[in-house]
N, C-alpha and C. Protein backbone atom coordinates (compact mmCIF):
# COMPACT_ATOMS: atom_id res chain seq x y z
N MET A 1 16.20 61.72 -14.59
CA MET A 1 16.50 60.38 -15.05
C MET A 1 15.22 59.74 -15.56
N SER A 2 15.22 59.25 -16.75
CA SER A 2 14.02 58.63 -17.31
C SER A 2 14.02 57.14 -17.00
N ARG A 3 12.83 56.60 -16.80
CA ARG A 3 12.70 55.18 -16.53
C ARG A 3 12.37 54.46 -17.83
N ALA A 4 12.88 53.24 -17.95
CA ALA A 4 12.60 52.45 -19.15
C ALA A 4 11.13 52.04 -19.14
N VAL A 5 10.50 52.08 -20.29
CA VAL A 5 9.10 51.72 -20.42
C VAL A 5 8.99 50.67 -21.50
N ASP A 6 8.23 49.61 -21.22
CA ASP A 6 8.07 48.56 -22.24
C ASP A 6 6.97 48.96 -23.23
N ASP A 7 6.72 48.05 -24.20
CA ASP A 7 5.76 48.37 -25.25
C ASP A 7 4.32 48.38 -24.75
N LEU A 8 4.06 47.97 -23.51
CA LEU A 8 2.73 48.05 -22.95
C LEU A 8 2.52 49.35 -22.17
N GLY A 9 3.59 50.13 -22.04
CA GLY A 9 3.47 51.42 -21.40
C GLY A 9 3.74 51.43 -19.91
N SER A 10 4.11 50.28 -19.32
CA SER A 10 4.39 50.27 -17.89
C SER A 10 5.89 50.28 -17.64
N ALA A 11 6.26 50.83 -16.50
CA ALA A 11 7.68 50.99 -16.17
C ALA A 11 8.35 49.64 -15.94
N TRP A 12 9.59 49.56 -16.36
CA TRP A 12 10.37 48.34 -16.19
C TRP A 12 11.21 48.52 -14.93
N THR A 13 10.84 47.84 -13.86
CA THR A 13 11.56 47.96 -12.60
C THR A 13 12.06 46.59 -12.17
N PRO A 14 13.08 46.55 -11.32
CA PRO A 14 13.56 45.24 -10.85
C PRO A 14 12.48 44.46 -10.12
N ARG A 15 11.56 45.15 -9.50
CA ARG A 15 10.51 44.48 -8.74
C ARG A 15 9.59 43.64 -9.63
N ASN A 16 9.23 44.15 -10.79
CA ASN A 16 8.33 43.38 -11.64
C ASN A 16 9.07 42.67 -12.78
N ALA A 17 10.39 42.71 -12.77
CA ALA A 17 11.16 42.09 -13.85
C ALA A 17 10.95 40.58 -13.91
N ALA A 18 10.90 39.91 -12.76
CA ALA A 18 10.73 38.46 -12.76
C ALA A 18 9.38 38.07 -13.36
N GLN A 19 8.34 38.84 -13.09
CA GLN A 19 7.04 38.54 -13.66
C GLN A 19 7.05 38.75 -15.17
N ARG A 20 7.74 39.78 -15.61
CA ARG A 20 7.79 40.05 -17.04
C ARG A 20 8.62 39.01 -17.78
N ILE A 21 9.69 38.54 -17.14
CA ILE A 21 10.53 37.53 -17.77
C ILE A 21 9.74 36.24 -17.94
N ALA A 22 8.90 35.92 -16.95
CA ALA A 22 8.12 34.68 -17.02
C ALA A 22 7.13 34.70 -18.17
N ARG A 23 6.63 35.89 -18.53
CA ARG A 23 5.69 36.00 -19.65
C ARG A 23 6.47 36.10 -20.95
N LYS A 24 6.06 35.36 -21.92
CA LYS A 24 6.76 35.43 -23.21
C LYS A 24 6.30 36.65 -23.99
N GLY A 25 7.20 37.17 -24.77
CA GLY A 25 6.84 38.26 -25.66
C GLY A 25 7.05 39.65 -25.07
N ILE A 26 7.44 39.77 -23.81
CA ILE A 26 7.70 41.07 -23.23
C ILE A 26 9.18 41.39 -23.44
N LYS A 27 9.47 42.54 -23.96
CA LYS A 27 10.85 42.92 -24.25
C LYS A 27 11.36 43.89 -23.19
N SER A 28 12.64 43.75 -22.88
CA SER A 28 13.27 44.76 -22.06
C SER A 28 13.64 45.91 -23.00
N PRO A 29 13.99 47.06 -22.48
CA PRO A 29 14.35 48.16 -23.38
C PRO A 29 15.53 47.83 -24.29
N GLU A 30 16.49 47.04 -23.80
CA GLU A 30 17.68 46.75 -24.61
C GLU A 30 17.58 45.48 -25.44
N ARG A 31 17.02 44.42 -24.86
CA ARG A 31 17.03 43.12 -25.53
C ARG A 31 15.84 42.27 -25.07
N ARG A 32 15.60 41.19 -25.79
CA ARG A 32 14.54 40.26 -25.43
C ARG A 32 15.07 39.33 -24.34
N ILE A 33 14.28 39.10 -23.31
CA ILE A 33 14.70 38.25 -22.20
C ILE A 33 13.82 37.02 -22.16
N TYR A 34 14.45 35.86 -22.04
CA TYR A 34 13.74 34.60 -21.93
C TYR A 34 14.00 34.00 -20.55
N PRO A 35 13.06 33.22 -20.04
CA PRO A 35 13.32 32.58 -18.75
C PRO A 35 14.44 31.55 -18.88
N ARG A 36 15.22 31.42 -17.84
CA ARG A 36 16.32 30.46 -17.83
C ARG A 36 15.75 29.06 -17.71
N GLU A 37 16.17 28.17 -18.58
CA GLU A 37 15.69 26.80 -18.55
C GLU A 37 16.62 25.96 -17.70
N ARG A 38 16.03 25.08 -16.91
CA ARG A 38 16.80 24.20 -16.05
C ARG A 38 16.27 22.79 -16.18
N THR A 39 17.13 21.84 -16.29
CA THR A 39 16.67 20.46 -16.34
C THR A 39 17.06 19.78 -15.03
N VAL A 40 16.18 18.93 -14.56
CA VAL A 40 16.40 18.20 -13.33
C VAL A 40 16.18 16.74 -13.64
N SER A 41 17.10 15.89 -13.17
CA SER A 41 16.95 14.47 -13.43
C SER A 41 15.70 13.94 -12.72
N SER A 42 15.15 12.86 -13.23
CA SER A 42 13.93 12.32 -12.63
C SER A 42 14.19 11.82 -11.22
N ALA A 43 15.38 11.28 -10.94
CA ALA A 43 15.70 10.83 -9.59
C ALA A 43 15.74 12.02 -8.62
N ARG A 44 16.34 13.13 -9.06
CA ARG A 44 16.41 14.32 -8.21
C ARG A 44 15.01 14.90 -7.98
N LEU A 45 14.18 14.86 -9.02
CA LEU A 45 12.82 15.37 -8.90
C LEU A 45 12.02 14.54 -7.89
N ARG A 46 12.17 13.20 -7.92
CA ARG A 46 11.50 12.35 -6.93
C ARG A 46 11.98 12.66 -5.53
N PHE A 47 13.30 12.88 -5.37
CA PHE A 47 13.86 13.22 -4.07
C PHE A 47 13.27 14.53 -3.55
N LEU A 48 13.20 15.52 -4.42
CA LEU A 48 12.66 16.81 -4.01
C LEU A 48 11.19 16.71 -3.64
N ARG A 49 10.43 15.91 -4.39
CA ARG A 49 9.01 15.74 -4.09
C ARG A 49 8.81 15.13 -2.72
N ARG A 50 9.64 14.12 -2.40
CA ARG A 50 9.47 13.41 -1.14
C ARG A 50 9.94 14.21 0.07
N ASN A 51 10.91 15.08 -0.13
CA ASN A 51 11.56 15.71 1.01
C ASN A 51 11.33 17.20 1.16
N SER A 52 10.55 17.81 0.30
CA SER A 52 10.33 19.25 0.44
C SER A 52 9.38 19.52 1.61
N ALA A 53 9.51 20.69 2.19
CA ALA A 53 8.68 21.05 3.34
C ALA A 53 7.21 21.08 2.95
N ALA A 54 6.90 21.46 1.73
CA ALA A 54 5.50 21.53 1.29
C ALA A 54 4.86 20.15 1.29
N CYS A 55 5.66 19.11 1.08
CA CYS A 55 5.12 17.76 1.03
C CYS A 55 4.67 17.29 2.40
N ARG A 56 5.29 17.80 3.45
CA ARG A 56 4.95 17.34 4.79
C ARG A 56 3.79 18.10 5.40
N ARG A 57 3.38 19.19 4.76
CA ARG A 57 2.28 19.99 5.26
C ARG A 57 0.96 19.42 4.77
N LYS A 58 0.00 19.30 5.66
CA LYS A 58 -1.32 18.82 5.26
C LYS A 58 -2.24 20.01 5.05
N PRO A 59 -3.13 19.95 4.06
CA PRO A 59 -4.12 21.01 3.91
C PRO A 59 -5.14 20.94 5.04
N ALA A 60 -6.03 21.88 5.05
CA ALA A 60 -7.07 21.91 6.08
C ALA A 60 -7.83 20.59 6.09
N ARG A 61 -8.29 20.21 7.26
CA ARG A 61 -9.00 18.94 7.40
C ARG A 61 -10.37 19.00 6.74
N LEU A 62 -10.52 18.21 5.70
CA LEU A 62 -11.83 18.02 5.10
C LEU A 62 -12.22 16.61 5.48
N GLY A 63 -12.99 16.46 6.51
CA GLY A 63 -13.15 15.12 7.03
C GLY A 63 -14.56 14.70 7.29
N PHE A 64 -14.64 13.47 7.72
CA PHE A 64 -15.88 12.83 8.09
C PHE A 64 -15.69 12.25 9.47
N ARG A 65 -16.76 11.97 10.12
CA ARG A 65 -16.66 11.29 11.41
C ARG A 65 -16.77 9.79 11.18
N ASP A 66 -15.84 9.06 11.78
CA ASP A 66 -15.91 7.61 11.65
C ASP A 66 -16.85 7.04 12.71
N ARG A 67 -16.86 5.74 12.87
CA ARG A 67 -17.82 5.10 13.80
C ARG A 67 -17.58 5.50 15.25
N THR A 68 -16.35 5.87 15.60
CA THR A 68 -16.04 6.23 16.98
C THR A 68 -16.32 7.70 17.25
N GLY A 69 -16.70 8.47 16.24
CA GLY A 69 -16.97 9.88 16.42
C GLY A 69 -15.76 10.77 16.15
N MET A 70 -14.61 10.17 15.83
CA MET A 70 -13.41 10.94 15.51
C MET A 70 -13.48 11.45 14.07
N THR A 71 -12.95 12.64 13.85
CA THR A 71 -12.91 13.17 12.50
C THR A 71 -11.71 12.59 11.76
N MET A 72 -11.94 12.15 10.55
CA MET A 72 -10.84 11.62 9.75
C MET A 72 -10.79 12.37 8.42
N THR A 73 -9.59 12.54 7.92
CA THR A 73 -9.39 13.20 6.64
C THR A 73 -9.59 12.18 5.53
N MET A 74 -10.55 12.44 4.66
CA MET A 74 -10.84 11.52 3.57
C MET A 74 -10.14 11.99 2.30
N ILE A 75 -9.47 11.06 1.65
CA ILE A 75 -8.93 11.29 0.31
C ILE A 75 -9.49 10.19 -0.57
N TYR A 76 -9.36 10.37 -1.88
CA TYR A 76 -10.06 9.49 -2.81
C TYR A 76 -9.15 9.00 -3.93
N LYS A 77 -9.45 7.81 -4.40
CA LYS A 77 -8.81 7.23 -5.58
C LYS A 77 -9.91 6.80 -6.52
N ILE A 78 -9.80 7.16 -7.77
CA ILE A 78 -10.71 6.68 -8.80
C ILE A 78 -9.96 5.59 -9.56
N ALA A 79 -10.50 4.40 -9.52
CA ALA A 79 -9.80 3.26 -10.13
C ALA A 79 -10.73 2.56 -11.13
N PRO A 80 -10.15 2.00 -12.19
CA PRO A 80 -10.95 1.18 -13.11
C PRO A 80 -11.51 -0.03 -12.35
N GLY A 81 -12.73 -0.40 -12.65
CA GLY A 81 -13.42 -1.47 -11.93
C GLY A 81 -12.66 -2.79 -11.95
N GLU A 82 -12.17 -3.17 -13.11
CA GLU A 82 -11.46 -4.45 -13.23
C GLU A 82 -10.19 -4.46 -12.38
N LEU A 83 -9.46 -3.36 -12.41
CA LEU A 83 -8.23 -3.25 -11.62
C LEU A 83 -8.54 -3.29 -10.12
N TRP A 84 -9.63 -2.67 -9.72
CA TRP A 84 -10.00 -2.68 -8.31
C TRP A 84 -10.44 -4.07 -7.85
N ARG A 85 -11.14 -4.80 -8.69
CA ARG A 85 -11.55 -6.15 -8.33
C ARG A 85 -10.33 -7.06 -8.15
N GLU A 86 -9.31 -6.89 -8.99
CA GLU A 86 -8.07 -7.65 -8.83
C GLU A 86 -7.38 -7.28 -7.51
N ALA A 87 -7.40 -6.00 -7.15
CA ALA A 87 -6.79 -5.56 -5.90
C ALA A 87 -7.52 -6.14 -4.70
N GLU A 88 -8.84 -6.22 -4.75
CA GLU A 88 -9.60 -6.81 -3.66
C GLU A 88 -9.25 -8.29 -3.47
N ALA A 89 -8.99 -8.97 -4.57
CA ALA A 89 -8.61 -10.38 -4.48
C ALA A 89 -7.22 -10.53 -3.86
N ARG A 90 -6.29 -9.61 -4.16
CA ARG A 90 -4.93 -9.65 -3.62
C ARG A 90 -4.83 -9.09 -2.21
N GLY A 91 -5.68 -8.13 -1.88
CA GLY A 91 -5.62 -7.50 -0.57
C GLY A 91 -4.88 -6.17 -0.55
N THR A 92 -4.23 -5.81 -1.66
CA THR A 92 -3.56 -4.51 -1.77
C THR A 92 -3.76 -3.95 -3.17
N PHE A 93 -3.71 -2.63 -3.26
CA PHE A 93 -3.83 -1.96 -4.55
C PHE A 93 -2.48 -1.34 -4.88
N GLU A 94 -1.87 -1.79 -5.97
CA GLU A 94 -0.55 -1.30 -6.38
C GLU A 94 -0.65 -0.04 -7.22
N GLY A 95 -1.82 0.24 -7.77
CA GLY A 95 -2.00 1.42 -8.60
C GLY A 95 -2.26 1.06 -10.04
N ALA A 96 -2.75 2.05 -10.78
CA ALA A 96 -2.97 1.90 -12.22
C ALA A 96 -1.62 2.06 -12.93
N LEU A 97 -1.63 1.94 -14.23
CA LEU A 97 -0.40 2.02 -15.02
C LEU A 97 0.33 3.35 -14.80
N ILE A 98 -0.40 4.45 -14.78
CA ILE A 98 0.24 5.76 -14.58
C ILE A 98 0.84 5.87 -13.17
N ASP A 99 0.20 5.22 -12.19
CA ASP A 99 0.73 5.22 -10.83
C ASP A 99 2.06 4.46 -10.76
N VAL A 100 2.09 3.32 -11.41
CA VAL A 100 3.31 2.50 -11.42
C VAL A 100 4.44 3.25 -12.12
N GLU A 101 4.12 3.91 -13.24
CA GLU A 101 5.14 4.67 -13.98
C GLU A 101 5.69 5.83 -13.17
N ASP A 102 4.83 6.53 -12.42
CA ASP A 102 5.27 7.68 -11.64
C ASP A 102 5.89 7.31 -10.31
N GLY A 103 5.68 6.09 -9.83
CA GLY A 103 6.28 5.65 -8.58
C GLY A 103 5.45 5.95 -7.35
N TYR A 104 4.23 6.41 -7.53
CA TYR A 104 3.33 6.66 -6.42
C TYR A 104 1.89 6.56 -6.91
N ILE A 105 0.96 6.39 -5.96
CA ILE A 105 -0.45 6.30 -6.31
C ILE A 105 -1.05 7.70 -6.25
N HIS A 106 -1.64 8.13 -7.35
CA HIS A 106 -2.28 9.44 -7.44
C HIS A 106 -3.61 9.40 -6.69
N LEU A 107 -3.79 10.33 -5.77
CA LEU A 107 -5.03 10.44 -5.01
C LEU A 107 -5.58 11.85 -5.15
N SER A 108 -6.77 12.10 -4.66
CA SER A 108 -7.39 13.42 -4.72
C SER A 108 -8.05 13.75 -3.39
N GLY A 109 -8.04 15.02 -3.04
CA GLY A 109 -8.77 15.48 -1.88
C GLY A 109 -10.25 15.61 -2.22
N ALA A 110 -11.06 15.87 -1.20
CA ALA A 110 -12.50 15.98 -1.41
C ALA A 110 -12.85 17.10 -2.37
N ASP A 111 -12.08 18.19 -2.33
CA ASP A 111 -12.35 19.32 -3.21
C ASP A 111 -11.77 19.14 -4.60
N GLN A 112 -11.03 18.05 -4.84
CA GLN A 112 -10.36 17.83 -6.13
C GLN A 112 -10.92 16.65 -6.92
N VAL A 113 -11.65 15.75 -6.26
CA VAL A 113 -12.00 14.48 -6.89
C VAL A 113 -12.96 14.66 -8.07
N ARG A 114 -13.86 15.61 -8.02
CA ARG A 114 -14.79 15.81 -9.13
C ARG A 114 -14.05 16.31 -10.38
N GLU A 115 -13.12 17.23 -10.19
CA GLU A 115 -12.35 17.74 -11.33
C GLU A 115 -11.46 16.64 -11.91
N THR A 116 -10.89 15.81 -11.04
CA THR A 116 -10.07 14.69 -11.51
C THR A 116 -10.90 13.73 -12.35
N ALA A 117 -12.11 13.43 -11.90
CA ALA A 117 -12.99 12.53 -12.67
C ALA A 117 -13.32 13.12 -14.03
N ALA A 118 -13.63 14.40 -14.06
CA ALA A 118 -13.99 15.05 -15.33
C ALA A 118 -12.80 15.13 -16.27
N ARG A 119 -11.62 15.44 -15.72
CA ARG A 119 -10.44 15.66 -16.56
C ARG A 119 -9.83 14.37 -17.09
N TYR A 120 -9.70 13.37 -16.22
CA TYR A 120 -8.97 12.16 -16.61
C TYR A 120 -9.85 10.95 -16.88
N PHE A 121 -11.10 10.99 -16.43
CA PHE A 121 -11.97 9.83 -16.60
C PHE A 121 -13.29 10.21 -17.27
N GLY A 122 -13.33 11.32 -17.98
CA GLY A 122 -14.55 11.78 -18.63
C GLY A 122 -15.10 10.76 -19.60
N GLY A 123 -16.37 10.37 -19.42
CA GLY A 123 -17.02 9.43 -20.31
C GLY A 123 -16.65 7.97 -20.07
N VAL A 124 -15.79 7.69 -19.09
CA VAL A 124 -15.37 6.31 -18.82
C VAL A 124 -16.33 5.67 -17.84
N ASP A 125 -16.79 4.49 -18.18
CA ASP A 125 -17.71 3.74 -17.33
C ASP A 125 -16.93 2.66 -16.58
N ASP A 126 -17.56 1.99 -15.64
CA ASP A 126 -16.97 0.93 -14.82
C ASP A 126 -15.78 1.46 -14.01
N LEU A 127 -16.06 2.49 -13.21
CA LEU A 127 -15.06 3.03 -12.30
C LEU A 127 -15.50 2.80 -10.86
N VAL A 128 -14.52 2.79 -9.96
CA VAL A 128 -14.80 2.63 -8.54
C VAL A 128 -14.23 3.85 -7.82
N LEU A 129 -15.02 4.46 -6.96
CA LEU A 129 -14.58 5.56 -6.12
C LEU A 129 -14.21 4.98 -4.77
N VAL A 130 -12.92 5.12 -4.41
CA VAL A 130 -12.40 4.55 -3.17
C VAL A 130 -12.15 5.68 -2.19
N GLY A 131 -12.77 5.60 -1.01
CA GLY A 131 -12.54 6.56 0.07
C GLY A 131 -11.50 6.02 1.02
N ILE A 132 -10.50 6.83 1.34
CA ILE A 132 -9.36 6.38 2.14
C ILE A 132 -9.19 7.30 3.34
N ASP A 133 -8.94 6.72 4.50
CA ASP A 133 -8.64 7.50 5.70
C ASP A 133 -7.17 7.91 5.62
N ALA A 134 -6.92 9.18 5.35
CA ALA A 134 -5.56 9.67 5.15
C ALA A 134 -4.70 9.53 6.40
N ASP A 135 -5.30 9.62 7.56
CA ASP A 135 -4.54 9.56 8.81
C ASP A 135 -3.91 8.19 9.03
N ARG A 136 -4.44 7.16 8.42
CA ARG A 136 -3.92 5.81 8.60
C ARG A 136 -2.75 5.49 7.68
N LEU A 137 -2.45 6.36 6.72
CA LEU A 137 -1.41 6.07 5.74
C LEU A 137 -0.01 6.43 6.22
N GLY A 138 0.09 7.27 7.22
CA GLY A 138 1.39 7.59 7.81
C GLY A 138 2.29 8.40 6.90
N ASP A 139 3.60 8.15 7.01
CA ASP A 139 4.60 8.92 6.28
C ASP A 139 4.65 8.60 4.78
N ALA A 140 4.00 7.53 4.37
CA ALA A 140 3.99 7.18 2.94
C ALA A 140 3.13 8.15 2.13
N LEU A 141 2.27 8.92 2.80
CA LEU A 141 1.41 9.89 2.13
C LEU A 141 2.09 11.26 2.13
N LYS A 142 2.27 11.83 0.95
CA LYS A 142 2.86 13.16 0.80
C LYS A 142 1.88 14.05 0.07
N TRP A 143 1.77 15.30 0.51
CA TRP A 143 0.94 16.30 -0.16
C TRP A 143 1.87 17.13 -1.02
N GLU A 144 1.74 17.01 -2.35
CA GLU A 144 2.69 17.64 -3.27
C GLU A 144 1.97 18.57 -4.24
N PRO A 145 2.65 19.66 -4.64
CA PRO A 145 2.04 20.57 -5.60
C PRO A 145 1.87 19.90 -6.96
N SER A 146 0.74 20.19 -7.58
CA SER A 146 0.45 19.64 -8.89
C SER A 146 -0.32 20.69 -9.67
N ARG A 147 -1.45 20.31 -10.29
CA ARG A 147 -2.26 21.22 -11.11
C ARG A 147 -2.40 22.60 -10.50
N GLY A 148 -1.86 23.60 -11.12
CA GLY A 148 -2.05 24.97 -10.67
C GLY A 148 -1.49 25.26 -9.29
N GLY A 149 -0.57 24.44 -8.80
CA GLY A 149 0.03 24.66 -7.50
C GLY A 149 -0.76 24.08 -6.34
N ALA A 150 -1.91 23.47 -6.60
CA ALA A 150 -2.71 22.86 -5.53
C ALA A 150 -1.98 21.63 -4.98
N LEU A 151 -2.12 21.39 -3.69
CA LEU A 151 -1.51 20.22 -3.07
C LEU A 151 -2.39 19.00 -3.28
N PHE A 152 -1.80 17.95 -3.87
CA PHE A 152 -2.50 16.70 -4.10
C PHE A 152 -1.85 15.62 -3.26
N PRO A 153 -2.63 14.67 -2.74
CA PRO A 153 -2.03 13.57 -1.99
C PRO A 153 -1.47 12.50 -2.92
N HIS A 154 -0.24 12.07 -2.63
CA HIS A 154 0.42 11.01 -3.37
C HIS A 154 0.87 9.95 -2.37
N LEU A 155 0.59 8.70 -2.65
CA LEU A 155 0.93 7.60 -1.75
C LEU A 155 2.13 6.85 -2.31
N TYR A 156 3.23 6.82 -1.56
CA TYR A 156 4.46 6.17 -1.99
C TYR A 156 4.56 4.77 -1.40
N ALA A 157 3.49 4.02 -1.43
CA ALA A 157 3.45 2.64 -0.95
C ALA A 157 2.19 2.00 -1.53
N PRO A 158 2.14 0.67 -1.54
CA PRO A 158 0.88 0.03 -1.95
C PRO A 158 -0.23 0.38 -0.96
N LEU A 159 -1.44 0.46 -1.47
CA LEU A 159 -2.60 0.81 -0.64
C LEU A 159 -3.21 -0.47 -0.07
N SER A 160 -3.19 -0.58 1.25
CA SER A 160 -3.77 -1.74 1.92
C SER A 160 -5.29 -1.57 2.00
N LEU A 161 -6.00 -2.64 1.84
CA LEU A 161 -7.46 -2.56 1.92
C LEU A 161 -7.93 -2.25 3.33
N ALA A 162 -7.07 -2.42 4.32
CA ALA A 162 -7.42 -2.07 5.70
C ALA A 162 -7.56 -0.56 5.88
N ASP A 163 -6.94 0.23 5.01
CA ASP A 163 -7.00 1.69 5.09
C ASP A 163 -8.18 2.28 4.33
N ILE A 164 -8.98 1.43 3.72
CA ILE A 164 -10.11 1.87 2.89
C ILE A 164 -11.34 2.08 3.77
N ALA A 165 -11.96 3.23 3.64
CA ALA A 165 -13.21 3.49 4.35
C ALA A 165 -14.40 2.94 3.56
N PHE A 166 -14.34 3.08 2.22
CA PHE A 166 -15.40 2.54 1.37
C PHE A 166 -14.90 2.43 -0.06
N ALA A 167 -15.57 1.61 -0.83
CA ALA A 167 -15.35 1.50 -2.28
C ALA A 167 -16.73 1.38 -2.91
N ARG A 168 -17.07 2.39 -3.72
CA ARG A 168 -18.40 2.44 -4.33
C ARG A 168 -18.26 2.58 -5.84
N PRO A 169 -19.21 2.04 -6.59
CA PRO A 169 -19.18 2.25 -8.04
C PRO A 169 -19.40 3.73 -8.36
N LEU A 170 -18.67 4.24 -9.30
CA LEU A 170 -18.83 5.63 -9.75
C LEU A 170 -19.57 5.57 -11.08
N LEU A 171 -20.85 5.82 -11.00
CA LEU A 171 -21.72 5.67 -12.16
C LEU A 171 -21.60 6.84 -13.11
N LEU A 172 -21.84 6.58 -14.37
CA LEU A 172 -21.80 7.59 -15.41
C LEU A 172 -23.23 8.00 -15.73
N GLY A 173 -23.51 9.29 -15.60
CA GLY A 173 -24.85 9.78 -15.88
C GLY A 173 -25.13 9.87 -17.37
N ALA A 174 -26.37 10.13 -17.73
CA ALA A 174 -26.79 10.22 -19.13
C ALA A 174 -26.12 11.39 -19.84
N HIS A 175 -25.74 12.42 -19.10
CA HIS A 175 -25.11 13.60 -19.68
C HIS A 175 -23.61 13.42 -19.89
N GLY A 176 -23.04 12.28 -19.47
CA GLY A 176 -21.62 12.00 -19.66
C GLY A 176 -20.74 12.34 -18.47
N PHE A 177 -21.32 12.90 -17.41
CA PHE A 177 -20.56 13.21 -16.19
C PHE A 177 -20.83 12.14 -15.14
N HIS A 178 -19.88 11.96 -14.24
CA HIS A 178 -20.03 10.96 -13.20
C HIS A 178 -20.96 11.43 -12.09
N LEU A 179 -21.69 10.52 -11.53
CA LEU A 179 -22.63 10.79 -10.45
C LEU A 179 -21.97 10.42 -9.12
N PHE A 180 -21.62 11.43 -8.34
CA PHE A 180 -20.95 11.20 -7.06
C PHE A 180 -21.97 10.97 -5.97
N PRO A 181 -21.60 10.18 -4.95
CA PRO A 181 -22.51 10.00 -3.80
C PRO A 181 -22.78 11.33 -3.13
N ALA A 182 -23.93 11.46 -2.51
CA ALA A 182 -24.36 12.74 -1.91
C ALA A 182 -23.50 13.13 -0.71
N ASP A 183 -22.87 12.17 -0.02
CA ASP A 183 -22.11 12.51 1.17
C ASP A 183 -20.69 13.00 0.87
N ILE A 184 -20.31 13.10 -0.39
CA ILE A 184 -18.99 13.64 -0.75
C ILE A 184 -19.18 15.13 -1.06
N PRO A 185 -18.46 15.98 -0.31
CA PRO A 185 -18.66 17.44 -0.51
C PRO A 185 -18.29 17.91 -1.89
């Protein structure tokens, strides 16, 4: 019995069929196969984000010691300076325009904040780096898959200034990249 072989010379088996289907341009021996497209309503997508098991799982603790010596998980928000000053006057941060549109406040872990600054705030001046104690946010904080499957923290409530560990200016260096404080890993 001969096995079907694709144009790359590797055997076509049920085990690797799903991987081949996901890649465009790979043909089965009989016909071209495309991935099945599925649409999900935005309300259903929000429900799935809030209630999936992955959302309730926290990544490894990347933390700092607070004044009492307890380790706390730090997460970060990069906010425009003007918007942050308005939030300080009100006592809560509702989020930037993209946060309001998505229904949650986009946050970053310690290992993600530099990439977030480079990707979404490259060359932008007058930013504030806000450090937040994740343990104080409770059930409103969900860790959800995003860029490349990495878990990102999303806050489904306004951010109270009582949960803020610090707010520092995020300066723009001469080379166009942001200068992070030395105590952020």
